[in-house]
């Protein structure tokens, strides 16, 4: 089988897994401020990074507060009783669907950034659709912007979980990521 045929087969095989998902709010099991479980599938919100569940931040007076727990509570508040709809963008190295998700007609990632309970997560030099929301939260000192905090990725590096390395994409995930990105591109082009 040639490489283009192999890629097409991977996209077709993965397409059902990357189709938009709509679930009722009570079915969402939150892990932290940017990841959750819908049934057997784990999801991570695309384009943001929220404090880890056990991460603390400091307020304007230098007092610790549980920003990771509050970020998860904020995501729960944003979902409320609304159904959650997710469209997969890719698969991360942990096998989670990285997706754009909305509830009540609002982009959950954008609202997490706007409320100050997540930061934008982009590759160096690439603009984020959430940059304006982050500038607003920072200027208003909302959430984690009220005082000093460790960027979540820095906090994870300083506080590794047992058995979780900082390595890159595993070879077995490469095909799934490629298929997910191709499916996302098709969704955008076809308006799915």
N, C-alpha and C. Protein backbone atom coordinates (compact mmCIF):
# COMPACT_ATOMS: atom_id res chain seq x y z
N UNK A 1 0.86 -1.18 0.00
CA UNK A 1 0.00 0.00 0.00
C UNK A 1 0.90 1.24 0.00
N UNK A 2 0.60 2.22 -0.86
CA UNK A 2 1.43 3.42 -0.94
C UNK A 2 1.12 4.35 0.23
N UNK A 3 2.02 5.31 0.47
CA UNK A 3 1.85 6.23 1.59
C UNK A 3 0.54 7.02 1.51
N UNK A 4 0.18 7.59 0.33
CA UNK A 4 -1.11 8.31 0.28
C UNK A 4 -2.30 7.40 0.59
N UNK A 5 -2.25 6.14 0.13
CA UNK A 5 -3.35 5.21 0.41
C UNK A 5 -3.39 4.86 1.89
N UNK A 6 -2.22 4.71 2.51
CA UNK A 6 -2.15 4.41 3.94
C UNK A 6 -2.73 5.57 4.75
N UNK A 7 -2.38 6.81 4.38
CA UNK A 7 -2.91 7.99 5.06
C UNK A 7 -4.42 8.05 4.91
N UNK A 8 -4.93 7.83 3.69
CA UNK A 8 -6.37 7.86 3.46
C UNK A 8 -7.06 6.79 4.30
N UNK A 9 -6.48 5.61 4.37
CA UNK A 9 -7.08 4.51 5.16
C UNK A 9 -7.10 4.89 6.64
N UNK A 10 -6.04 5.54 7.11
CA UNK A 10 -6.00 5.96 8.52
C UNK A 10 -7.07 7.00 8.80
N UNK A 11 -7.26 7.93 7.86
CA UNK A 11 -8.28 8.97 8.04
C UNK A 11 -9.67 8.36 8.06
N UNK A 12 -9.94 7.47 7.13
CA UNK A 12 -11.26 6.83 7.07
C UNK A 12 -11.51 6.00 8.33
N UNK A 13 -10.49 5.27 8.77
CA UNK A 13 -10.65 4.45 9.98
C UNK A 13 -10.88 5.30 11.22
N UNK A 14 -10.24 6.46 11.28
CA UNK A 14 -10.34 7.31 12.47
C UNK A 14 -11.55 8.23 12.44
N UNK A 15 -12.15 8.43 11.28
CA UNK A 15 -13.22 9.41 11.14
C UNK A 15 -14.35 9.29 12.16
N UNK A 16 -14.87 8.09 12.42
CA UNK A 16 -15.94 8.01 13.42
C UNK A 16 -15.49 8.47 14.80
N UNK A 17 -14.25 8.22 15.16
CA UNK A 17 -13.74 8.62 16.47
C UNK A 17 -13.61 10.13 16.58
N UNK A 18 -13.45 10.82 15.45
CA UNK A 18 -13.26 12.26 15.46
C UNK A 18 -14.51 13.03 15.06
N UNK A 19 -15.63 12.34 14.94
CA UNK A 19 -16.88 13.01 14.63
C UNK A 19 -17.31 13.84 15.85
N UNK A 20 -18.04 14.95 15.62
CA UNK A 20 -18.49 15.75 16.76
C UNK A 20 -19.27 14.92 17.77
N UNK A 21 -19.06 15.22 19.04
CA UNK A 21 -19.72 14.48 20.13
C UNK A 21 -20.58 15.47 20.91
N UNK A 22 -21.82 15.09 21.21
CA UNK A 22 -22.71 15.92 22.02
C UNK A 22 -23.19 15.06 23.19
N UNK A 23 -22.92 15.54 24.41
CA UNK A 23 -23.34 14.78 25.60
C UNK A 23 -23.99 15.72 26.61
N UNK A 24 -24.80 15.16 27.47
CA UNK A 24 -25.43 15.94 28.52
C UNK A 24 -24.40 16.28 29.60
N UNK A 25 -24.58 17.40 30.26
CA UNK A 25 -23.61 17.91 31.24
C UNK A 25 -23.32 16.90 32.34
N UNK A 26 -24.32 16.19 32.80
CA UNK A 26 -24.10 15.27 33.92
C UNK A 26 -23.20 14.10 33.53
N UNK A 27 -23.01 13.85 32.24
CA UNK A 27 -22.14 12.76 31.78
C UNK A 27 -20.67 13.17 31.77
N UNK A 28 -20.38 14.47 31.93
CA UNK A 28 -19.01 14.97 31.89
C UNK A 28 -18.36 14.77 33.27
N UNK A 29 -17.24 14.07 33.29
CA UNK A 29 -16.48 13.86 34.53
C UNK A 29 -15.20 14.69 34.43
N UNK A 30 -15.15 15.78 35.19
CA UNK A 30 -14.01 16.70 35.11
C UNK A 30 -12.78 16.12 35.81
N UNK A 31 -11.62 16.29 35.19
CA UNK A 31 -10.34 15.91 35.79
C UNK A 31 -9.69 17.14 36.41
N UNK A 32 -9.69 18.23 35.65
CA UNK A 32 -9.14 19.49 36.12
C UNK A 32 -9.75 20.61 35.27
N UNK A 33 -9.08 21.72 35.14
CA UNK A 33 -9.67 22.86 34.43
C UNK A 33 -9.60 22.81 32.92
N UNK A 34 -8.93 21.81 32.37
CA UNK A 34 -8.88 21.72 30.90
C UNK A 34 -9.02 20.30 30.38
N UNK A 35 -9.34 19.35 31.24
CA UNK A 35 -9.52 17.98 30.77
C UNK A 35 -10.65 17.28 31.51
N UNK A 36 -11.26 16.33 30.81
CA UNK A 36 -12.42 15.63 31.35
C UNK A 36 -12.62 14.33 30.61
N UNK A 37 -13.57 13.56 31.09
CA UNK A 37 -13.90 12.27 30.50
C UNK A 37 -15.37 12.28 30.09
N UNK A 38 -15.61 11.75 28.89
CA UNK A 38 -16.96 11.52 28.40
C UNK A 38 -17.03 10.03 28.11
N UNK A 39 -17.66 9.29 29.00
CA UNK A 39 -17.66 7.83 28.85
C UNK A 39 -16.25 7.29 28.99
N UNK A 40 -15.82 6.51 28.00
CA UNK A 40 -14.47 5.94 28.03
C UNK A 40 -13.42 6.85 27.41
N UNK A 41 -13.85 7.94 26.79
CA UNK A 41 -12.90 8.80 26.08
C UNK A 41 -12.48 10.00 26.94
N UNK A 42 -11.17 10.24 27.00
CA UNK A 42 -10.65 11.40 27.71
C UNK A 42 -10.46 12.55 26.73
N UNK A 43 -10.77 13.77 27.17
CA UNK A 43 -10.66 14.97 26.35
C UNK A 43 -9.80 16.02 27.03
N UNK A 44 -9.16 16.85 26.20
CA UNK A 44 -8.43 18.02 26.69
C UNK A 44 -8.85 19.18 25.82
N UNK A 45 -9.13 20.33 26.44
CA UNK A 45 -9.55 21.50 25.67
C UNK A 45 -8.38 22.02 24.83
N UNK A 46 -8.65 22.23 23.57
CA UNK A 46 -7.65 22.70 22.61
C UNK A 46 -7.26 24.16 22.87
N UNK A 47 -5.97 24.43 22.82
CA UNK A 47 -5.48 25.81 22.83
C UNK A 47 -5.30 26.47 24.18
N UNK A 48 -5.54 25.73 25.28
CA UNK A 48 -5.38 26.34 26.60
C UNK A 48 -4.61 25.40 27.53
N UNK A 49 -4.15 25.98 28.63
CA UNK A 49 -3.50 25.19 29.67
C UNK A 49 -3.97 25.75 31.01
N UNK A 50 -4.70 24.95 31.76
CA UNK A 50 -5.21 25.36 33.07
C UNK A 50 -4.30 24.82 34.16
N UNK A 51 -4.31 25.45 35.33
CA UNK A 51 -3.51 24.92 36.44
C UNK A 51 -3.86 23.46 36.72
N UNK A 52 -2.86 22.71 37.13
CA UNK A 52 -3.09 21.32 37.49
C UNK A 52 -3.94 21.26 38.76
N UNK A 53 -4.68 20.19 38.93
CA UNK A 53 -5.62 20.06 40.03
C UNK A 53 -5.00 20.37 41.39
N UNK A 54 -3.78 19.93 41.64
CA UNK A 54 -3.15 20.13 42.96
C UNK A 54 -2.22 21.35 42.98
N UNK A 55 -2.31 22.18 41.96
CA UNK A 55 -1.45 23.37 41.88
C UNK A 55 -2.02 24.51 42.72
N UNK A 56 -1.14 25.19 43.43
CA UNK A 56 -1.52 26.41 44.17
C UNK A 56 -0.95 27.62 43.46
N UNK A 57 -1.62 28.75 43.60
CA UNK A 57 -1.16 30.03 43.09
C UNK A 57 -1.11 30.99 44.27
N UNK A 58 -0.66 32.19 44.03
CA UNK A 58 -0.62 33.20 45.09
C UNK A 58 -1.58 34.33 44.73
N UNK A 59 -2.21 34.90 45.77
CA UNK A 59 -3.07 36.05 45.54
C UNK A 59 -2.21 37.32 45.59
N UNK A 60 -2.84 38.47 45.49
CA UNK A 60 -2.12 39.74 45.47
C UNK A 60 -1.31 39.98 46.74
N UNK A 61 -1.72 39.36 47.86
CA UNK A 61 -1.01 39.52 49.14
C UNK A 61 0.05 38.44 49.35
N UNK A 62 0.19 37.52 48.39
CA UNK A 62 1.19 36.47 48.52
C UNK A 62 0.72 35.21 49.21
N UNK A 63 -0.58 35.13 49.49
CA UNK A 63 -1.15 33.94 50.14
C UNK A 63 -1.46 32.86 49.09
N UNK A 64 -1.17 31.61 49.45
CA UNK A 64 -1.49 30.50 48.56
C UNK A 64 -3.00 30.29 48.49
N UNK A 65 -3.46 29.90 47.32
CA UNK A 65 -4.84 29.50 47.14
C UNK A 65 -4.88 28.36 46.11
N UNK A 66 -5.85 27.47 46.18
CA UNK A 66 -5.90 26.27 45.34
C UNK A 66 -6.41 26.56 43.92
N UNK A 67 -5.56 27.15 43.10
CA UNK A 67 -6.00 27.57 41.77
C UNK A 67 -6.38 26.39 40.88
N UNK A 68 -5.74 25.23 41.05
CA UNK A 68 -6.11 24.07 40.25
C UNK A 68 -7.51 23.58 40.55
N UNK A 69 -7.85 23.54 41.82
CA UNK A 69 -9.20 23.13 42.24
C UNK A 69 -10.23 24.16 41.76
N UNK A 70 -9.88 25.43 41.87
CA UNK A 70 -10.80 26.48 41.43
C UNK A 70 -10.99 26.48 39.92
N UNK A 71 -9.93 26.14 39.18
CA UNK A 71 -10.05 26.06 37.72
C UNK A 71 -11.05 24.96 37.34
N UNK A 72 -10.96 23.82 38.02
CA UNK A 72 -11.92 22.74 37.76
C UNK A 72 -13.34 23.19 38.10
N UNK A 73 -13.51 23.91 39.21
CA UNK A 73 -14.83 24.42 39.61
C UNK A 73 -15.36 25.41 38.57
N UNK A 74 -14.46 26.22 38.02
CA UNK A 74 -14.88 27.19 37.00
C UNK A 74 -15.36 26.48 35.74
N UNK A 75 -14.68 25.43 35.33
CA UNK A 75 -15.12 24.67 34.16
C UNK A 75 -16.49 24.05 34.43
N UNK A 76 -16.70 23.52 35.63
CA UNK A 76 -18.01 22.96 35.99
C UNK A 76 -19.08 24.05 35.93
N UNK A 77 -18.77 25.24 36.44
CA UNK A 77 -19.73 26.36 36.41
C UNK A 77 -20.07 26.73 34.97
N UNK A 78 -19.07 26.77 34.10
CA UNK A 78 -19.31 27.15 32.70
C UNK A 78 -20.18 26.11 31.99
N UNK A 79 -19.97 24.84 32.29
CA UNK A 79 -20.79 23.80 31.68
C UNK A 79 -22.20 23.86 32.24
N UNK A 80 -22.30 24.03 33.54
CA UNK A 80 -23.62 24.11 34.17
C UNK A 80 -24.46 22.90 33.83
N UNK A 81 -25.65 23.15 33.32
CA UNK A 81 -26.54 22.06 32.93
C UNK A 81 -26.63 21.92 31.41
N UNK A 82 -25.76 22.65 30.70
CA UNK A 82 -25.79 22.63 29.23
C UNK A 82 -25.16 21.37 28.65
N UNK A 83 -25.70 20.88 27.56
CA UNK A 83 -25.01 19.79 26.85
C UNK A 83 -23.64 20.30 26.38
N UNK A 84 -22.67 19.40 26.32
CA UNK A 84 -21.32 19.74 25.87
C UNK A 84 -21.12 19.13 24.48
N UNK A 85 -20.65 19.96 23.54
CA UNK A 85 -20.36 19.48 22.19
C UNK A 85 -18.87 19.67 21.93
N UNK A 86 -18.21 18.61 21.49
CA UNK A 86 -16.77 18.65 21.22
C UNK A 86 -16.47 18.21 19.80
N UNK A 87 -15.51 18.91 19.18
CA UNK A 87 -14.99 18.54 17.86
C UNK A 87 -13.50 18.31 18.01
N UNK A 88 -13.06 17.09 17.71
CA UNK A 88 -11.66 16.72 17.88
C UNK A 88 -10.77 17.49 16.92
N UNK A 89 -9.59 17.87 17.43
CA UNK A 89 -8.56 18.52 16.63
C UNK A 89 -7.40 17.56 16.42
N UNK A 90 -7.00 16.88 17.49
CA UNK A 90 -5.90 15.92 17.42
C UNK A 90 -5.98 14.98 18.62
N UNK A 91 -5.00 14.13 18.73
CA UNK A 91 -4.86 13.23 19.88
C UNK A 91 -3.51 13.56 20.51
N UNK A 92 -3.47 13.73 21.83
CA UNK A 92 -2.19 14.04 22.47
C UNK A 92 -1.42 12.77 22.82
N UNK A 93 -0.22 12.96 23.38
CA UNK A 93 0.65 11.81 23.67
C UNK A 93 0.10 10.90 24.76
N UNK A 94 -0.94 11.35 25.48
CA UNK A 94 -1.56 10.52 26.51
C UNK A 94 -2.81 9.82 25.99
N UNK A 95 -3.10 9.98 24.69
CA UNK A 95 -4.27 9.34 24.09
C UNK A 95 -5.56 10.11 24.28
N UNK A 96 -5.48 11.34 24.79
CA UNK A 96 -6.68 12.16 24.96
C UNK A 96 -7.04 12.85 23.64
N UNK A 97 -8.34 12.97 23.38
CA UNK A 97 -8.79 13.78 22.26
C UNK A 97 -8.58 15.24 22.66
N UNK A 98 -7.87 15.98 21.84
CA UNK A 98 -7.72 17.41 22.05
C UNK A 98 -8.79 18.02 21.16
N UNK A 99 -9.71 18.78 21.77
CA UNK A 99 -10.90 19.20 21.05
C UNK A 99 -11.34 20.61 21.40
N UNK A 100 -12.06 21.22 20.47
CA UNK A 100 -12.76 22.46 20.77
C UNK A 100 -14.12 22.03 21.30
N UNK A 101 -14.51 22.57 22.43
CA UNK A 101 -15.76 22.16 23.07
C UNK A 101 -16.57 23.39 23.45
N UNK A 102 -17.87 23.25 23.36
CA UNK A 102 -18.75 24.35 23.75
C UNK A 102 -19.89 23.83 24.61
N UNK A 103 -20.43 24.74 25.40
CA UNK A 103 -21.61 24.45 26.23
C UNK A 103 -22.40 25.74 26.33
N UNK A 104 -23.69 25.65 26.14
CA UNK A 104 -24.52 26.85 26.21
C UNK A 104 -24.14 27.87 25.14
N UNK A 105 -23.62 27.40 24.01
CA UNK A 105 -23.25 28.28 22.91
C UNK A 105 -21.93 29.01 23.11
N UNK A 106 -21.19 28.65 24.14
CA UNK A 106 -19.91 29.33 24.42
C UNK A 106 -18.74 28.36 24.30
N UNK A 107 -17.65 28.85 23.73
CA UNK A 107 -16.40 28.09 23.63
C UNK A 107 -15.82 27.96 25.03
N UNK A 108 -15.75 26.73 25.54
CA UNK A 108 -15.29 26.52 26.92
C UNK A 108 -13.84 26.98 27.13
N UNK A 109 -12.98 26.75 26.16
CA UNK A 109 -11.58 27.17 26.29
C UNK A 109 -11.49 28.69 26.38
N UNK A 110 -12.18 29.36 25.52
CA UNK A 110 -12.16 30.83 25.54
C UNK A 110 -12.69 31.37 26.86
N UNK A 111 -13.74 30.78 27.37
CA UNK A 111 -14.32 31.25 28.63
C UNK A 111 -13.41 30.95 29.82
N UNK A 112 -12.69 29.83 29.77
CA UNK A 112 -11.72 29.53 30.84
C UNK A 112 -10.59 30.56 30.84
N UNK A 113 -10.12 30.94 29.67
CA UNK A 113 -9.07 31.96 29.57
C UNK A 113 -9.62 33.31 30.02
N UNK A 114 -10.81 33.67 29.54
CA UNK A 114 -11.41 34.96 29.90
C UNK A 114 -11.64 35.09 31.41
N UNK A 115 -12.00 33.99 32.06
CA UNK A 115 -12.25 34.03 33.50
C UNK A 115 -10.95 34.06 34.31
N UNK A 116 -9.83 33.84 33.63
CA UNK A 116 -8.54 33.87 34.31
C UNK A 116 -8.14 32.55 34.92
N UNK A 117 -8.78 31.46 34.53
CA UNK A 117 -8.45 30.15 35.09
C UNK A 117 -7.71 29.24 34.11
N UNK A 118 -7.21 29.82 33.01
CA UNK A 118 -6.37 29.09 32.06
C UNK A 118 -5.56 30.12 31.27
N UNK A 119 -4.45 29.66 30.74
CA UNK A 119 -3.62 30.49 29.87
C UNK A 119 -3.71 29.94 28.45
N UNK A 120 -3.37 30.77 27.48
CA UNK A 120 -3.34 30.28 26.10
C UNK A 120 -2.16 29.32 25.97
N UNK A 121 -2.32 28.34 25.13
CA UNK A 121 -1.28 27.34 24.90
C UNK A 121 -1.04 27.29 23.40
N UNK A 122 0.07 27.86 22.98
CA UNK A 122 0.39 27.87 21.55
C UNK A 122 1.85 27.55 21.35
N UNK A 123 2.17 27.23 20.14
CA UNK A 123 3.57 27.08 19.75
C UNK A 123 4.15 28.49 19.64
N UNK A 124 5.42 28.61 19.86
CA UNK A 124 6.12 29.89 19.82
C UNK A 124 5.84 30.64 18.52
N UNK A 125 5.42 31.90 18.67
CA UNK A 125 5.22 32.77 17.52
C UNK A 125 3.89 32.61 16.81
N UNK A 126 3.04 31.71 17.27
CA UNK A 126 1.74 31.50 16.62
C UNK A 126 0.66 32.14 17.48
N UNK A 127 -0.14 32.99 16.87
CA UNK A 127 -1.22 33.66 17.61
C UNK A 127 -2.29 32.66 18.01
N UNK A 128 -2.93 32.94 19.12
CA UNK A 128 -4.02 32.10 19.60
C UNK A 128 -5.33 32.85 19.41
N UNK A 129 -6.40 32.13 19.12
CA UNK A 129 -7.70 32.79 19.04
C UNK A 129 -8.15 33.33 20.41
N UNK A 130 -7.42 32.94 21.47
CA UNK A 130 -7.78 33.35 22.82
C UNK A 130 -6.88 34.44 23.38
N UNK A 131 -6.00 35.01 22.56
CA UNK A 131 -5.08 36.06 23.03
C UNK A 131 -5.83 37.26 23.62
N UNK A 132 -6.89 37.70 22.96
CA UNK A 132 -7.65 38.86 23.43
C UNK A 132 -8.29 38.56 24.79
N UNK A 133 -8.85 37.37 24.95
CA UNK A 133 -9.48 36.98 26.22
C UNK A 133 -8.43 36.95 27.33
N UNK A 134 -7.21 36.47 27.00
CA UNK A 134 -6.17 36.43 28.02
C UNK A 134 -5.72 37.84 28.41
N UNK A 135 -5.59 38.72 27.44
CA UNK A 135 -5.19 40.11 27.74
C UNK A 135 -6.23 40.77 28.64
N UNK A 136 -7.50 40.48 28.39
CA UNK A 136 -8.60 41.01 29.20
C UNK A 136 -8.52 40.48 30.64
N UNK A 137 -8.32 39.17 30.79
CA UNK A 137 -8.24 38.56 32.13
C UNK A 137 -7.03 39.09 32.89
N UNK A 138 -5.93 39.22 32.19
CA UNK A 138 -4.71 39.72 32.83
C UNK A 138 -4.88 41.16 33.30
N UNK A 139 -5.44 42.00 32.44
CA UNK A 139 -5.65 43.42 32.78
C UNK A 139 -6.60 43.58 33.96
N UNK A 140 -7.61 42.70 34.03
CA UNK A 140 -8.61 42.77 35.11
C UNK A 140 -8.18 41.97 36.34
N UNK A 141 -7.01 41.31 36.26
CA UNK A 141 -6.47 40.49 37.36
C UNK A 141 -7.47 39.42 37.82
N UNK A 142 -8.06 38.76 36.83
CA UNK A 142 -9.01 37.68 37.12
C UNK A 142 -8.27 36.37 37.39
N UNK A 143 -8.86 35.56 38.26
CA UNK A 143 -8.35 34.22 38.50
C UNK A 143 -6.88 34.19 38.85
N UNK A 144 -6.10 33.40 38.11
CA UNK A 144 -4.68 33.25 38.40
C UNK A 144 -3.89 34.53 38.18
N UNK A 145 -4.44 35.47 37.43
CA UNK A 145 -3.75 36.74 37.16
C UNK A 145 -3.81 37.69 38.35
N UNK A 146 -4.48 37.31 39.43
CA UNK A 146 -4.58 38.17 40.62
C UNK A 146 -3.25 38.27 41.35
N UNK A 147 -2.35 37.36 41.11
CA UNK A 147 -1.04 37.36 41.77
C UNK A 147 -0.07 36.50 41.00
N UNK A 148 1.12 36.25 41.54
CA UNK A 148 2.09 35.42 40.82
C UNK A 148 1.66 33.95 40.77
N UNK A 149 1.99 33.30 39.68
CA UNK A 149 1.68 31.87 39.53
C UNK A 149 2.69 31.23 38.60
N UNK A 150 2.84 29.93 38.74
CA UNK A 150 3.66 29.17 37.80
C UNK A 150 2.79 28.83 36.61
N UNK A 151 3.32 29.06 35.42
CA UNK A 151 2.62 28.62 34.21
C UNK A 151 2.43 27.11 34.37
N UNK A 152 1.23 26.59 34.05
CA UNK A 152 0.97 25.17 34.29
C UNK A 152 2.04 24.22 33.75
N UNK A 153 2.57 24.48 32.56
CA UNK A 153 3.59 23.58 32.01
C UNK A 153 4.86 23.62 32.86
N UNK A 154 5.22 24.78 33.39
CA UNK A 154 6.39 24.88 34.29
C UNK A 154 6.11 24.14 35.59
N UNK A 155 4.89 24.26 36.12
CA UNK A 155 4.53 23.58 37.36
C UNK A 155 4.61 22.07 37.18
N UNK A 156 4.14 21.57 36.02
CA UNK A 156 4.19 20.12 35.76
C UNK A 156 5.64 19.62 35.70
N UNK A 157 6.51 20.40 35.06
CA UNK A 157 7.92 20.01 34.98
C UNK A 157 8.55 19.94 36.38
N UNK A 158 8.18 20.89 37.24
CA UNK A 158 8.74 20.93 38.61
C UNK A 158 8.08 19.90 39.53
N UNK A 159 6.89 19.41 39.16
CA UNK A 159 6.13 18.48 40.00
C UNK A 159 5.64 17.29 39.16
N UNK A 160 6.58 16.47 38.65
CA UNK A 160 6.16 15.36 37.77
C UNK A 160 5.33 14.32 38.52
N UNK A 161 4.36 13.78 37.82
CA UNK A 161 3.57 12.68 38.37
C UNK A 161 4.36 11.40 38.21
N UNK A 162 4.13 10.43 39.06
CA UNK A 162 4.82 9.14 38.95
C UNK A 162 4.50 8.49 37.61
N UNK A 163 5.53 8.06 36.92
CA UNK A 163 5.34 7.33 35.67
C UNK A 163 5.02 8.19 34.47
N UNK A 164 5.04 9.53 34.61
CA UNK A 164 4.74 10.40 33.48
C UNK A 164 6.02 11.14 33.13
N UNK A 165 6.52 10.87 31.94
CA UNK A 165 7.74 11.54 31.51
C UNK A 165 7.39 12.74 30.65
N UNK A 166 8.36 13.57 30.42
CA UNK A 166 8.15 14.77 29.60
C UNK A 166 8.47 14.53 28.14
N UNK A 167 8.46 13.28 27.71
CA UNK A 167 8.83 12.96 26.33
C UNK A 167 7.81 13.45 25.33
N UNK A 168 8.17 13.31 24.07
CA UNK A 168 7.33 13.79 22.99
C UNK A 168 6.31 12.75 22.56
N UNK A 169 5.89 12.86 21.32
CA UNK A 169 4.87 11.99 20.76
C UNK A 169 5.44 10.58 20.58
N UNK A 170 4.70 9.59 21.01
CA UNK A 170 5.11 8.20 20.83
C UNK A 170 4.82 7.81 19.38
N UNK A 171 5.62 6.92 18.84
CA UNK A 171 5.47 6.52 17.45
C UNK A 171 4.07 6.00 17.16
N UNK A 172 3.49 5.25 18.10
CA UNK A 172 2.15 4.67 17.86
C UNK A 172 1.08 5.76 17.78
N UNK A 173 1.35 6.93 18.38
CA UNK A 173 0.38 8.01 18.37
C UNK A 173 0.47 8.87 17.12
N UNK A 174 1.56 8.75 16.38
CA UNK A 174 1.77 9.62 15.23
C UNK A 174 0.67 9.46 14.20
N UNK A 175 0.30 8.23 13.86
CA UNK A 175 -0.74 7.99 12.87
C UNK A 175 -2.08 8.53 13.37
N UNK A 176 -2.39 8.32 14.65
CA UNK A 176 -3.65 8.83 15.21
C UNK A 176 -3.68 10.35 15.17
N UNK A 177 -2.56 11.00 15.49
CA UNK A 177 -2.51 12.46 15.44
C UNK A 177 -2.67 12.97 14.02
N UNK A 178 -1.99 12.32 13.09
CA UNK A 178 -2.10 12.72 11.69
C UNK A 178 -3.54 12.57 11.20
N UNK A 179 -4.15 11.44 11.53
CA UNK A 179 -5.54 11.21 11.13
C UNK A 179 -6.47 12.24 11.76
N UNK A 180 -6.25 12.57 13.03
CA UNK A 180 -7.09 13.55 13.72
C UNK A 180 -6.96 14.92 13.09
N UNK A 181 -5.74 15.31 12.76
CA UNK A 181 -5.53 16.62 12.15
C UNK A 181 -6.15 16.68 10.76
N UNK A 182 -6.04 15.58 10.00
CA UNK A 182 -6.66 15.53 8.68
C UNK A 182 -8.19 15.60 8.81
N UNK A 183 -8.75 14.89 9.77
CA UNK A 183 -10.20 14.92 10.00
C UNK A 183 -10.65 16.31 10.40
N UNK A 184 -9.89 16.98 11.28
CA UNK A 184 -10.22 18.35 11.69
C UNK A 184 -10.20 19.27 10.47
N UNK A 185 -9.20 19.13 9.62
CA UNK A 185 -9.10 19.95 8.42
C UNK A 185 -10.32 19.71 7.52
N UNK A 186 -10.69 18.45 7.35
CA UNK A 186 -11.89 18.13 6.54
C UNK A 186 -13.15 18.74 7.15
N UNK A 187 -13.28 18.68 8.49
CA UNK A 187 -14.45 19.27 9.14
C UNK A 187 -14.52 20.76 8.83
N UNK A 188 -13.38 21.45 8.92
CA UNK A 188 -13.35 22.88 8.67
C UNK A 188 -13.70 23.20 7.21
N UNK A 189 -13.15 22.43 6.28
CA UNK A 189 -13.39 22.67 4.86
C UNK A 189 -14.82 22.34 4.44
N UNK A 190 -15.39 21.31 5.05
CA UNK A 190 -16.73 20.87 4.67
C UNK A 190 -17.82 21.44 5.58
N UNK A 191 -17.41 22.20 6.60
CA UNK A 191 -18.40 22.81 7.50
C UNK A 191 -19.12 21.81 8.38
N UNK A 192 -18.47 20.73 8.74
CA UNK A 192 -19.10 19.70 9.59
C UNK A 192 -19.14 20.13 11.04
